[in-house]
């Protein structure tokens, strides 16, 4: 993945990497992330749906996003990226 978030032409397995990265998350953190990013629920709605405090929902989303970024960056880092 480029610094601009674009896929390189050779990245045909990107979806598999995303699914693997999502599967590496626990059930609750993954659910919070997907409810926020896919279903576009607010943190208040996620809190009610998951029966967890709002701050916990926010933490799960934040940490899950960071983990996915790190895992996907590791999967797709080019030799030039390794120098950064």
PDB file of N, CA and C in Angstrom:
ATOM      1  N   UNK A   1       0.849  -1.165   0.000  1.00  0.00           N
ATOM      2  CA  UNK A   1       0.000   0.000   0.000  1.00  0.00           C
ATOM      3  C   UNK A   1       0.900   1.235   0.000  1.00  0.00           C
ATOM      4  N   UNK A   2       0.537   2.197  -0.791  1.00  0.00           N
ATOM      5  CA  UNK A   2       1.331   3.418  -0.855  1.00  0.00           C
ATOM      6  C   UNK A   2       1.005   4.311   0.335  1.00  0.00           C
ATOM      7  N   UNK A   3       1.821   5.328   0.541  1.00  0.00           N
ATOM      8  CA  UNK A   3       1.591   6.277   1.631  1.00  0.00           C
ATOM      9  C   UNK A   3       0.242   6.972   1.485  1.00  0.00           C
ATOM     10  N   UNK A   4      -0.260   7.050   0.257  1.00  0.00           N
ATOM     11  CA  UNK A   4      -1.554   7.684   0.001  1.00  0.00           C
ATOM     12  C   UNK A   4      -2.718   6.717   0.184  1.00  0.00           C
ATOM     13  N   UNK A   5      -2.422   5.473   0.586  1.00  0.00           N
ATOM     14  CA  UNK A   5      -3.475   4.489   0.805  1.00  0.00           C
ATOM     15  C   UNK A   5      -3.926   3.769  -0.448  1.00  0.00           C
ATOM     16  N   UNK A   6      -3.204   3.927  -1.543  1.00  0.00           N
ATOM     17  CA  UNK A   6      -3.558   3.266  -2.795  1.00  0.00           C
ATOM     18  C   UNK A   6      -2.925   1.877  -2.847  1.00  0.00           C
ATOM     19  N   UNK A   7      -3.609   0.950  -3.482  1.00  0.00           N
ATOM     20  CA  UNK A   7      -3.076  -0.390  -3.629  1.00  0.00           C
ATOM     21  C   UNK A   7      -2.079  -0.435  -4.779  1.00  0.00           C
ATOM     22  N   UNK A   8      -1.006  -1.187  -4.587  1.00  0.00           N
ATOM     23  CA  UNK A   8      -0.071  -1.442  -5.677  1.00  0.00           C
ATOM     24  C   UNK A   8      -0.742  -2.416  -6.647  1.00  0.00           C
ATOM     25  N   UNK A   9      -0.357  -2.374  -7.885  1.00  0.00           N
ATOM     26  CA  UNK A   9      -0.967  -3.234  -8.901  1.00  0.00           C
ATOM     27  C   UNK A   9      -0.861  -4.707  -8.535  1.00  0.00           C
ATOM     28  N   UNK A  10       0.202  -5.100  -7.878  1.00  0.00           N
ATOM     29  CA  UNK A  10       0.439  -6.506  -7.564  1.00  0.00           C
ATOM     30  C   UNK A  10      -0.313  -6.973  -6.312  1.00  0.00           C
ATOM     31  N   UNK A  11      -1.111  -6.133  -5.713  1.00  0.00           N
ATOM     32  CA  UNK A  11      -1.791  -6.494  -4.468  1.00  0.00           C
ATOM     33  C   UNK A  11      -3.133  -7.159  -4.725  1.00  0.00           C
ATOM     34  N   UNK A  12      -3.088  -8.331  -5.305  1.00  0.00           N
ATOM     35  CA  UNK A  12      -4.321  -9.044  -5.624  1.00  0.00           C
ATOM     36  C   UNK A  12      -4.897  -9.777  -4.418  1.00  0.00           C
ATOM     37  N   UNK A  13      -4.115  -9.960  -3.378  1.00  0.00           N
ATOM     38  CA  UNK A  13      -4.563 -10.709  -2.209  1.00  0.00           C
ATOM     39  C   UNK A  13      -4.971  -9.794  -1.057  1.00  0.00           C
ATOM     40  N   UNK A  14      -5.246  -8.528  -1.345  1.00  0.00           N
ATOM     41  CA  UNK A  14      -5.520  -7.568  -0.279  1.00  0.00           C
ATOM     42  C   UNK A  14      -6.705  -7.992   0.588  1.00  0.00           C
ATOM     43  N   UNK A  15      -7.805  -8.434  -0.027  1.00  0.00           N
ATOM     44  CA  UNK A  15      -8.986  -8.835   0.742  1.00  0.00           C
ATOM     45  C   UNK A  15      -8.662  -9.950   1.726  1.00  0.00           C
ATOM     46  N   UNK A  16      -7.853 -10.924   1.294  1.00  0.00           N
ATOM     47  CA  UNK A  16      -7.471 -12.016   2.185  1.00  0.00           C
ATOM     48  C   UNK A  16      -6.701 -11.497   3.392  1.00  0.00           C
ATOM     49  N   UNK A  17      -5.851 -10.524   3.167  1.00  0.00           N
ATOM     50  CA  UNK A  17      -5.072  -9.944   4.261  1.00  0.00           C
ATOM     51  C   UNK A  17      -5.974  -9.187   5.228  1.00  0.00           C
ATOM     52  N   UNK A  18      -6.957  -8.475   4.688  1.00  0.00           N
ATOM     53  CA  UNK A  18      -7.889  -7.727   5.542  1.00  0.00           C
ATOM     54  C   UNK A  18      -8.705  -8.698   6.391  1.00  0.00           C
ATOM     55  N   UNK A  19      -9.200  -9.762   5.785  1.00  0.00           N
ATOM     56  CA  UNK A  19      -9.981 -10.748   6.534  1.00  0.00           C
ATOM     57  C   UNK A  19      -9.123 -11.380   7.621  1.00  0.00           C
ATOM     58  N   UNK A  20      -7.899 -11.745   7.292  1.00  0.00           N
ATOM     59  CA  UNK A  20      -6.991 -12.327   8.295  1.00  0.00           C
ATOM     60  C   UNK A  20      -6.722 -11.347   9.431  1.00  0.00           C
ATOM     61  N   UNK A  21      -6.515 -10.085   9.094  1.00  0.00           N
ATOM     62  CA  UNK A  21      -6.272  -9.060  10.118  1.00  0.00           C
ATOM     63  C   UNK A  21      -7.502  -8.894  10.998  1.00  0.00           C
ATOM     64  N   UNK A  22      -8.692  -8.869  10.396  1.00  0.00           N
ATOM     65  CA  UNK A  22      -9.921  -8.759  11.181  1.00  0.00           C
ATOM     66  C   UNK A  22     -10.099  -9.969  12.092  1.00  0.00           C
ATOM     67  N   UNK A  23      -9.770 -11.141  11.581  1.00  0.00           N
ATOM     68  CA  UNK A  23      -9.907 -12.358  12.385  1.00  0.00           C
ATOM     69  C   UNK A  23      -8.929 -12.389  13.556  1.00  0.00           C
ATOM     70  N   UNK A  24      -7.864 -11.603  13.479  1.00  0.00           N
ATOM     71  CA  UNK A  24      -6.890 -11.574  14.575  1.00  0.00           C
ATOM     72  C   UNK A  24      -7.404 -10.774  15.772  1.00  0.00           C
ATOM     73  N   UNK A  25      -8.475 -10.009  15.562  1.00  0.00           N
ATOM     74  CA  UNK A  25      -9.074  -9.236  16.643  1.00  0.00           C
ATOM     75  C   UNK A  25     -10.006 -10.124  17.454  1.00  0.00           C
ATOM     76  N   UNK A  26     -10.209  -9.773  18.701  1.00  0.00           N
ATOM     77  CA  UNK A  26     -11.200 -10.471  19.506  1.00  0.00           C
ATOM     78  C   UNK A  26     -12.598 -10.172  18.991  1.00  0.00           C
ATOM     79  N   UNK A  27     -13.555 -10.962  19.431  1.00  0.00           N
ATOM     80  CA  UNK A  27     -14.930 -10.802  18.958  1.00  0.00           C
ATOM     81  C   UNK A  27     -15.508  -9.421  19.259  1.00  0.00           C
ATOM     82  N   UNK A  28     -15.342  -8.956  20.489  1.00  0.00           N
ATOM     83  CA  UNK A  28     -15.918  -7.666  20.874  1.00  0.00           C
ATOM     84  C   UNK A  28     -15.220  -6.506  20.163  1.00  0.00           C
ATOM     85  N   UNK A  29     -13.873  -6.457  20.168  1.00  0.00           N
ATOM     86  CA  UNK A  29     -13.228  -5.363  19.433  1.00  0.00           C
ATOM     87  C   UNK A  29     -13.582  -5.351  17.945  1.00  0.00           C
ATOM     88  N   UNK A  30     -13.616  -6.539  17.324  1.00  0.00           N
ATOM     89  CA  UNK A  30     -13.964  -6.621  15.899  1.00  0.00           C
ATOM     90  C   UNK A  30     -15.390  -6.135  15.673  1.00  0.00           C
ATOM     91  N   UNK A  31     -16.310  -6.552  16.535  1.00  0.00           N
ATOM     92  CA  UNK A  31     -17.705  -6.119  16.402  1.00  0.00           C
ATOM     93  C   UNK A  31     -17.826  -4.610  16.534  1.00  0.00           C
ATOM     94  N   UNK A  32     -17.134  -4.039  17.516  1.00  0.00           N
ATOM     95  CA  UNK A  32     -17.173  -2.582  17.703  1.00  0.00           C
ATOM     96  C   UNK A  32     -16.643  -1.870  16.465  1.00  0.00           C
ATOM     97  N   UNK A  33     -15.536  -2.347  15.938  1.00  0.00           N
ATOM     98  CA  UNK A  33     -14.943  -1.731  14.747  1.00  0.00           C
ATOM     99  C   UNK A  33     -15.899  -1.799  13.563  1.00  0.00           C
ATOM    100  N   UNK A  34     -16.483  -2.961  13.327  1.00  0.00           N
ATOM    101  CA  UNK A  34     -17.381  -3.120  12.184  1.00  0.00           C
ATOM    102  C   UNK A  34     -18.675  -2.337  12.364  1.00  0.00           C
ATOM    103  N   UNK A  35     -19.182  -2.284  13.583  1.00  0.00           N
ATOM    104  CA  UNK A  35     -20.391  -1.488  13.820  1.00  0.00           C
ATOM    105  C   UNK A  35     -20.130  -0.011  13.557  1.00  0.00           C
ATOM    106  N   UNK A  36     -18.928   0.434  13.886  1.00  0.00           N
ATOM    107  CA  UNK A  36     -18.582   1.848  13.675  1.00  0.00           C
ATOM    108  C   UNK A  36     -18.292   2.139  12.207  1.00  0.00           C
ATOM    109  N   UNK A  37     -17.485   1.310  11.565  1.00  0.00           N
ATOM    110  CA  UNK A  37     -17.014   1.628  10.212  1.00  0.00           C
ATOM    111  C   UNK A  37     -17.945   1.155   9.106  1.00  0.00           C
ATOM    112  N   UNK A  38     -18.593   0.034   9.302  1.00  0.00           N
ATOM    113  CA  UNK A  38     -19.469  -0.505   8.259  1.00  0.00           C
ATOM    114  C   UNK A  38     -20.915  -0.063   8.486  1.00  0.00           C
ATOM    115  N   UNK A  39     -21.417  -0.269   9.697  1.00  0.00           N
ATOM    116  CA  UNK A  39     -22.798   0.089   9.997  1.00  0.00           C
ATOM    117  C   UNK A  39     -22.951   1.569  10.345  1.00  0.00           C
ATOM    118  N   UNK A  40     -21.829   2.254  10.547  1.00  0.00           N
ATOM    119  CA  UNK A  40     -21.791   3.689  10.857  1.00  0.00           C
ATOM    120  C   UNK A  40     -22.612   4.051  12.097  1.00  0.00           C
ATOM    121  N   UNK A  41     -22.580   3.156  13.112  1.00  0.00           N
ATOM    122  CA  UNK A  41     -23.250   3.452  14.369  1.00  0.00           C
ATOM    123  C   UNK A  41     -22.412   4.433  15.182  1.00  0.00           C
ATOM    124  N   UNK A  42     -23.072   5.213  16.003  1.00  0.00           N
ATOM    125  CA  UNK A  42     -22.362   6.101  16.925  1.00  0.00           C
ATOM    126  C   UNK A  42     -21.821   5.262  18.077  1.00  0.00           C
ATOM    127  N   UNK A  43     -20.927   5.847  18.850  1.00  0.00           N
ATOM    128  CA  UNK A  43     -20.387   5.122  20.002  1.00  0.00           C
ATOM    129  C   UNK A  43     -21.481   4.848  21.034  1.00  0.00           C
ATOM    130  N   UNK A  44     -22.445   5.743  21.152  1.00  0.00           N
ATOM    131  CA  UNK A  44     -23.578   5.531  22.066  1.00  0.00           C
ATOM    132  C   UNK A  44     -24.372   4.304  21.604  1.00  0.00           C
ATOM    133  N   UNK A  45     -24.607   4.200  20.294  1.00  0.00           N
ATOM    134  CA  UNK A  45     -25.354   3.059  19.752  1.00  0.00           C
ATOM    135  C   UNK A  45     -24.573   1.755  19.906  1.00  0.00           C
ATOM    136  N   UNK A  46     -23.267   1.812  19.683  1.00  0.00           N
ATOM    137  CA  UNK A  46     -22.430   0.620  19.855  1.00  0.00           C
ATOM    138  C   UNK A  46     -22.460   0.181  21.309  1.00  0.00           C
ATOM    139  N   UNK A  47     -22.347   1.148  22.208  1.00  0.00           N
ATOM    140  CA  UNK A  47     -22.388   0.862  23.635  1.00  0.00           C
ATOM    141  C   UNK A  47     -23.675   0.124  24.015  1.00  0.00           C
ATOM    142  N   UNK A  48     -24.803   0.613  23.534  1.00  0.00           N
ATOM    143  CA  UNK A  48     -26.085  -0.017  23.838  1.00  0.00           C
ATOM    144  C   UNK A  48     -26.192  -1.402  23.207  1.00  0.00           C
ATOM    145  N   UNK A  49     -25.772  -1.512  21.968  1.00  0.00           N
ATOM    146  CA  UNK A  49     -25.851  -2.773  21.234  1.00  0.00           C
ATOM    147  C   UNK A  49     -24.975  -3.855  21.871  1.00  0.00           C
ATOM    148  N   UNK A  50     -23.766  -3.468  22.255  1.00  0.00           N
ATOM    149  CA  UNK A  50     -22.794  -4.426  22.799  1.00  0.00           C
ATOM    150  C   UNK A  50     -22.886  -4.547  24.321  1.00  0.00           C
ATOM    151  N   UNK A  51     -23.669  -3.686  24.947  1.00  0.00           N
ATOM    152  CA  UNK A  51     -23.822  -3.655  26.396  1.00  0.00           C
ATOM    153  C   UNK A  51     -22.471  -3.474  27.095  1.00  0.00           C
ATOM    154  N   UNK A  52     -21.730  -2.463  26.602  1.00  0.00           N
ATOM    155  CA  UNK A  52     -20.448  -2.082  27.189  1.00  0.00           C
ATOM    156  C   UNK A  52     -20.437  -0.564  27.342  1.00  0.00           C
ATOM    157  N   UNK A  53     -19.571  -0.033  28.208  1.00  0.00           N
ATOM    158  CA  UNK A  53     -19.500   1.424  28.337  1.00  0.00           C
ATOM    159  C   UNK A  53     -19.074   2.083  27.017  1.00  0.00           C
ATOM    160  N   UNK A  54     -19.544   3.302  26.813  1.00  0.00           N
ATOM    161  CA  UNK A  54     -19.217   4.036  25.584  1.00  0.00           C
ATOM    162  C   UNK A  54     -17.707   4.192  25.411  1.00  0.00           C
ATOM    163  N   UNK A  55     -17.001   4.509  26.493  1.00  0.00           N
ATOM    164  CA  UNK A  55     -15.553   4.666  26.422  1.00  0.00           C
ATOM    165  C   UNK A  55     -14.848   3.384  26.016  1.00  0.00           C
ATOM    166  N   UNK A  56     -15.381   2.259  26.449  1.00  0.00           N
ATOM    167  CA  UNK A  56     -14.816   0.962  26.067  1.00  0.00           C
ATOM    168  C   UNK A  56     -15.004   0.727  24.571  1.00  0.00           C
ATOM    169  N   UNK A  57     -16.176   1.076  24.068  1.00  0.00           N
ATOM    170  CA  UNK A  57     -16.429   0.945  22.628  1.00  0.00           C
ATOM    171  C   UNK A  57     -15.443   1.804  21.846  1.00  0.00           C
ATOM    172  N   UNK A  58     -15.230   3.026  22.311  1.00  0.00           N
ATOM    173  CA  UNK A  58     -14.294   3.928  21.640  1.00  0.00           C
ATOM    174  C   UNK A  58     -12.881   3.349  21.659  1.00  0.00           C
ATOM    175  N   UNK A  59     -12.484   2.788  22.791  1.00  0.00           N
ATOM    176  CA  UNK A  59     -11.150   2.193  22.903  1.00  0.00           C
ATOM    177  C   UNK A  59     -10.991   1.005  21.965  1.00  0.00           C
ATOM    178  N   UNK A  60     -12.012   0.155  21.919  1.00  0.00           N
ATOM    179  CA  UNK A  60     -11.945  -1.008  21.024  1.00  0.00           C
ATOM    180  C   UNK A  60     -11.789  -0.571  19.574  1.00  0.00           C
ATOM    181  N   UNK A  61     -12.545   0.423  19.154  1.00  0.00           N
ATOM    182  CA  UNK A  61     -12.465   0.899  17.769  1.00  0.00           C
ATOM    183  C   UNK A  61     -11.089   1.476  17.497  1.00  0.00           C
ATOM    184  N   UNK A  62     -10.601   2.316  18.385  1.00  0.00           N
ATOM    185  CA  UNK A  62      -9.300   2.953  18.189  1.00  0.00           C
ATOM    186  C   UNK A  62      -8.172   1.924  18.131  1.00  0.00           C
ATOM    187  N   UNK A  63      -8.143   1.011  19.096  1.00  0.00           N
ATOM    188  CA  UNK A  63      -7.073   0.000  19.124  1.00  0.00           C
ATOM    189  C   UNK A  63      -7.182  -0.966  17.948  1.00  0.00           C
ATOM    190  N   UNK A  64      -8.399  -1.293  17.545  1.00  0.00           N
ATOM    191  CA  UNK A  64      -8.583  -2.199  16.409  1.00  0.00           C
ATOM    192  C   UNK A  64      -8.107  -1.561  15.113  1.00  0.00           C
ATOM    193  N   UNK A  65      -8.405  -0.288  14.919  1.00  0.00           N
ATOM    194  CA  UNK A  65      -7.920   0.417  13.728  1.00  0.00           C
ATOM    195  C   UNK A  65      -6.395   0.438  13.700  1.00  0.00           C
ATOM    196  N   UNK A  66      -5.793   0.729  14.838  1.00  0.00           N
ATOM    197  CA  UNK A  66      -4.328   0.778  14.913  1.00  0.00           C
ATOM    198  C   UNK A  66      -3.727  -0.588  14.615  1.00  0.00           C
ATOM    199  N   UNK A  67      -4.328  -1.649  15.147  1.00  0.00           N
ATOM    200  CA  UNK A  67      -3.812  -3.000  14.897  1.00  0.00           C
ATOM    201  C   UNK A  67      -3.931  -3.363  13.416  1.00  0.00           C
ATOM    202  N   UNK A  68      -5.078  -3.059  12.818  1.00  0.00           N
ATOM    203  CA  UNK A  68      -5.246  -3.360  11.393  1.00  0.00           C
ATOM    204  C   UNK A  68      -4.243  -2.594  10.543  1.00  0.00           C
ATOM    205  N   UNK A  69      -4.038  -1.314  10.859  1.00  0.00           N
ATOM    206  CA  UNK A  69      -3.040  -0.523  10.113  1.00  0.00           C
ATOM    207  C   UNK A  69      -1.668  -1.169  10.202  1.00  0.00           C
ATOM    208  N   UNK A  70      -1.294  -1.550  11.427  1.00  0.00           N
ATOM    209  CA  UNK A  70       0.026  -2.147  11.637  1.00  0.00           C
ATOM    210  C   UNK A  70       0.153  -3.471  10.887  1.00  0.00           C
ATOM    211  N   UNK A  71      -0.844  -4.343  11.015  1.00  0.00           N
ATOM    212  CA  UNK A  71      -0.782  -5.640  10.347  1.00  0.00           C
ATOM    213  C   UNK A  71      -0.746  -5.502   8.833  1.00  0.00           C
ATOM    214  N   UNK A  72      -1.586  -4.629   8.290  1.00  0.00           N
ATOM    215  CA  UNK A  72      -1.610  -4.463   6.836  1.00  0.00           C
ATOM    216  C   UNK A  72      -0.349  -3.793   6.334  1.00  0.00           C
ATOM    217  N   UNK A  73       0.190  -2.878   7.104  1.00  0.00           N
ATOM    218  CA  UNK A  73       1.453  -2.247   6.706  1.00  0.00           C
ATOM    219  C   UNK A  73       2.562  -3.302   6.668  1.00  0.00           C
ATOM    220  N   UNK A  74       2.600  -4.172   7.673  1.00  0.00           N
ATOM    221  CA  UNK A  74       3.609  -5.235   7.701  1.00  0.00           C
ATOM    222  C   UNK A  74       3.444  -6.174   6.514  1.00  0.00           C
ATOM    223  N   UNK A  75       2.201  -6.497   6.171  1.00  0.00           N
ATOM    224  CA  UNK A  75       1.947  -7.407   5.054  1.00  0.00           C
ATOM    225  C   UNK A  75       2.356  -6.828   3.708  1.00  0.00           C
ATOM    226  N   UNK A  76       2.198  -5.497   3.556  1.00  0.00           N
ATOM    227  CA  UNK A  76       2.394  -4.887   2.245  1.00  0.00           C
ATOM    228  C   UNK A  76       3.563  -3.924   2.173  1.00  0.00           C
ATOM    229  N   UNK A  77       4.381  -3.886   3.191  1.00  0.00           N
ATOM    230  CA  UNK A  77       5.531  -2.983   3.164  1.00  0.00           C
ATOM    231  C   UNK A  77       6.492  -3.393   2.053  1.00  0.00           C
ATOM    232  N   UNK A  78       6.921  -2.438   1.282  1.00  0.00           N
ATOM    233  CA  UNK A  78       7.918  -2.682   0.247  1.00  0.00           C
ATOM    234  C   UNK A  78       9.298  -2.485   0.860  1.00  0.00           C
ATOM    235  N   UNK A  79      10.347  -2.938   0.187  1.00  0.00           N
ATOM    236  CA  UNK A  79      11.697  -2.719   0.727  1.00  0.00           C
ATOM    237  C   UNK A  79      11.960  -1.229   1.012  1.00  0.00           C
ATOM    238  N   UNK A  80      11.446  -0.332   0.201  1.00  0.00           N
ATOM    239  CA  UNK A  80      11.644   1.104   0.436  1.00  0.00           C
ATOM    240  C   UNK A  80      10.936   1.528   1.713  1.00  0.00           C
ATOM    241  N   UNK A  81       9.769   0.928   2.013  1.00  0.00           N
ATOM    242  CA  UNK A  81       9.031   1.250   3.235  1.00  0.00           C
ATOM    243  C   UNK A  81       9.792   0.811   4.477  1.00  0.00           C
ATOM    244  N   UNK A  82      10.572  -0.237   4.359  1.00  0.00           N
ATOM    245  CA  UNK A  82      11.304  -0.774   5.504  1.00  0.00           C
ATOM    246  C   UNK A  82      12.318   0.244   6.038  1.00  0.00           C
ATOM    247  N   UNK A  83      12.774   1.142   5.177  1.00  0.00           N
ATOM    248  CA  UNK A  83      13.758   2.144   5.580  1.00  0.00           C
ATOM    249  C   UNK A  83      13.144   3.265   6.370  1.00  0.00           C
ATOM    250  N   UNK A  84      11.809   3.398   6.343  1.00  0.00           N
ATOM    251  CA  UNK A  84      11.134   4.499   7.041  1.00  0.00           C
ATOM    252  C   UNK A  84      11.140   4.330   8.524  1.00  0.00           C
TER     253      UNK A  84
END
